[in-house]
Amino acid sequence: MVSLAAILALLNHRKNRVLRIAEAALPESQFRAFRGLLLDEFGREGLETDLERLMVERDGGVDRAGRYVQRKEVPNE
């Protein structure tokens, strides 16, 4: 089974590559905006959190540190 750490390492490698290309191709102000968007969508507050939540659900409520994660009664939307 693939670990969350392995997935995040691959994701970070790809994010870094995309950011290097964007930095070379975009003016600085556009690059900063693009970097913010990319990290919001694919970083800790975006895809990384979604992946961790899926892994916790798959593992029956145990997070990657082995702690039990209590689920919320009402989802926060």
C-alpha atoms as a PDB file:
ATOM      1  CA  MET A   1       0.000   0.000   0.000  1.00  0.00           C
ATOM      2  CA  VAL A   2       1.261   3.491  -0.821  1.00  0.00           C
ATOM      3  CA  SER A   3       1.840   5.826   2.111  1.00  0.00           C
ATOM      4  CA  LEU A   4       0.680   9.404   2.333  1.00  0.00           C
ATOM      5  CA  ALA A   5       4.303  10.517   2.736  1.00  0.00           C
ATOM      6  CA  ALA A   6       5.236   8.863  -0.578  1.00  0.00           C
ATOM      7  CA  ILE A   7       2.315  10.516  -2.373  1.00  0.00           C
ATOM      8  CA  LEU A   8       3.160  13.929  -0.897  1.00  0.00           C
ATOM      9  CA  ALA A   9       6.824  13.561  -1.890  1.00  0.00           C
ATOM     10  CA  LEU A  10       5.810  12.922  -5.505  1.00  0.00           C
ATOM     11  CA  LEU A  11       3.315  15.777  -5.392  1.00  0.00           C
ATOM     12  CA  ASN A  12       5.931  18.178  -3.990  1.00  0.00           C
ATOM     13  CA  HIS A  13       8.395  17.196  -6.719  1.00  0.00           C
ATOM     14  CA  ARG A  14       5.795  17.986  -9.397  1.00  0.00           C
ATOM     15  CA  LYS A  15       4.768  21.269  -7.721  1.00  0.00           C
ATOM     16  CA  ASN A  16       8.406  22.389  -7.617  1.00  0.00           C
ATOM     17  CA  ARG A  17       8.868  21.603 -11.303  1.00  0.00           C
ATOM     18  CA  VAL A  18       5.728  23.524 -12.294  1.00  0.00           C
ATOM     19  CA  LEU A  19       6.801  26.478 -10.136  1.00  0.00           C
ATOM     20  CA  ARG A  20      10.290  26.585 -11.680  1.00  0.00           C
ATOM     21  CA  ILE A  21       8.821  26.631 -15.184  1.00  0.00           C
ATOM     22  CA  ALA A  22       6.263  29.293 -14.245  1.00  0.00           C
ATOM     23  CA  GLU A  23       8.955  31.437 -12.616  1.00  0.00           C
ATOM     24  CA  ALA A  24      10.976  31.361 -15.837  1.00  0.00           C
ATOM     25  CA  ALA A  25       7.969  32.127 -18.024  1.00  0.00           C
ATOM     26  CA  LEU A  26       5.959  34.710 -16.067  1.00  0.00           C
ATOM     27  CA  PRO A  27       6.631  38.257 -14.903  1.00  0.00           C
ATOM     28  CA  GLU A  28       7.285  38.413 -11.142  1.00  0.00           C
ATOM     29  CA  SER A  29       3.829  39.707 -10.153  1.00  0.00           C
ATOM     30  CA  GLN A  30       2.057  37.055 -12.212  1.00  0.00           C
ATOM     31  CA  PHE A  31       4.363  34.364 -10.861  1.00  0.00           C
ATOM     32  CA  ARG A  32       3.576  35.350  -7.255  1.00  0.00           C
ATOM     33  CA  ALA A  33      -0.156  35.144  -8.002  1.00  0.00           C
ATOM     34  CA  PHE A  34       0.246  31.794  -9.777  1.00  0.00           C
ATOM     35  CA  ARG A  35       2.418  30.419  -6.957  1.00  0.00           C
ATOM     36  CA  GLY A  36      -0.215  31.399  -4.391  1.00  0.00           C
ATOM     37  CA  LEU A  37      -2.969  29.735  -6.405  1.00  0.00           C
ATOM     38  CA  LEU A  38      -0.950  26.569  -6.993  1.00  0.00           C
ATOM     39  CA  LEU A  39      -0.021  26.221  -3.326  1.00  0.00           C
ATOM     40  CA  ASP A  40      -3.595  26.962  -2.189  1.00  0.00           C
ATOM     41  CA  GLU A  41      -4.978  24.254  -4.452  1.00  0.00           C
ATOM     42  CA  PHE A  42      -2.262  21.607  -4.136  1.00  0.00           C
ATOM     43  CA  GLY A  43      -0.614  22.495  -0.799  1.00  0.00           C
ATOM     44  CA  ARG A  44      -1.457  21.929   2.864  1.00  0.00           C
ATOM     45  CA  GLU A  45      -4.794  23.736   2.682  1.00  0.00           C
ATOM     46  CA  GLY A  46      -5.873  22.035  -0.541  1.00  0.00           C
ATOM     47  CA  LEU A  47      -5.093  18.660  -2.056  1.00  0.00           C
ATOM     48  CA  GLU A  48      -2.701  17.590   0.716  1.00  0.00           C
ATOM     49  CA  THR A  49      -5.472  17.980   3.314  1.00  0.00           C
ATOM     50  CA  ASP A  50      -7.939  16.154   1.063  1.00  0.00           C
ATOM     51  CA  LEU A  51      -5.503  13.269   0.571  1.00  0.00           C
ATOM     52  CA  GLU A  52      -4.821  13.022   4.295  1.00  0.00           C
ATOM     53  CA  ARG A  53      -8.566  12.950   5.018  1.00  0.00           C
ATOM     54  CA  LEU A  54      -9.057  10.156   2.472  1.00  0.00           C
ATOM     55  CA  MET A  55      -6.203   8.151   3.979  1.00  0.00           C
ATOM     56  CA  VAL A  56      -7.663   8.585   7.489  1.00  0.00           C
ATOM     57  CA  GLU A  57     -11.059   7.403   6.245  1.00  0.00           C
ATOM     58  CA  ARG A  58      -9.443   4.444   4.514  1.00  0.00           C
ATOM     59  CA  ASP A  59      -7.502   3.489   7.625  1.00  0.00           C
ATOM     60  CA  GLY A  60     -10.581   3.561   9.846  1.00  0.00           C
ATOM     61  CA  GLY A  61      -9.968   6.818  11.676  1.00  0.00           C
ATOM     62  CA  VAL A  62      -6.223   6.547  12.322  1.00  0.00           C
ATOM     63  CA  ASP A  63      -4.032   9.382  11.054  1.00  0.00           C
ATOM     64  CA  ARG A  64      -0.490   8.972   9.698  1.00  0.00           C
ATOM     65  CA  ALA A  65       0.980   9.363  13.208  1.00  0.00           C
ATOM     66  CA  GLY A  66      -1.145   6.451  14.465  1.00  0.00           C
ATOM     67  CA  ARG A  67      -3.541   8.624  16.459  1.00  0.00           C
ATOM     68  CA  TYR A  68      -7.275   7.985  16.439  1.00  0.00           C
ATOM     69  CA  VAL A  69      -9.128  10.758  14.620  1.00  0.00           C
ATOM     70  CA  GLN A  70     -12.647  11.498  15.807  1.00  0.00           C
ATOM     71  CA  ARG A  71     -14.994  12.405  13.000  1.00  0.00           C
ATOM     72  CA  LYS A  72     -17.300  15.414  13.185  1.00  0.00           C
ATOM     73  CA  GLU A  73     -21.016  14.792  13.533  1.00  0.00           C
ATOM     74  CA  VAL A  74     -21.865  17.573  11.088  1.00  0.00           C
ATOM     75  CA  PRO A  75     -19.482  18.276   8.213  1.00  0.00           C
ATOM     76  CA  ASN A  76     -18.103  21.805   8.136  1.00  0.00           C
ATOM     77  CA  GLU A  77     -19.137  23.309   4.816  1.00  0.00           C
END
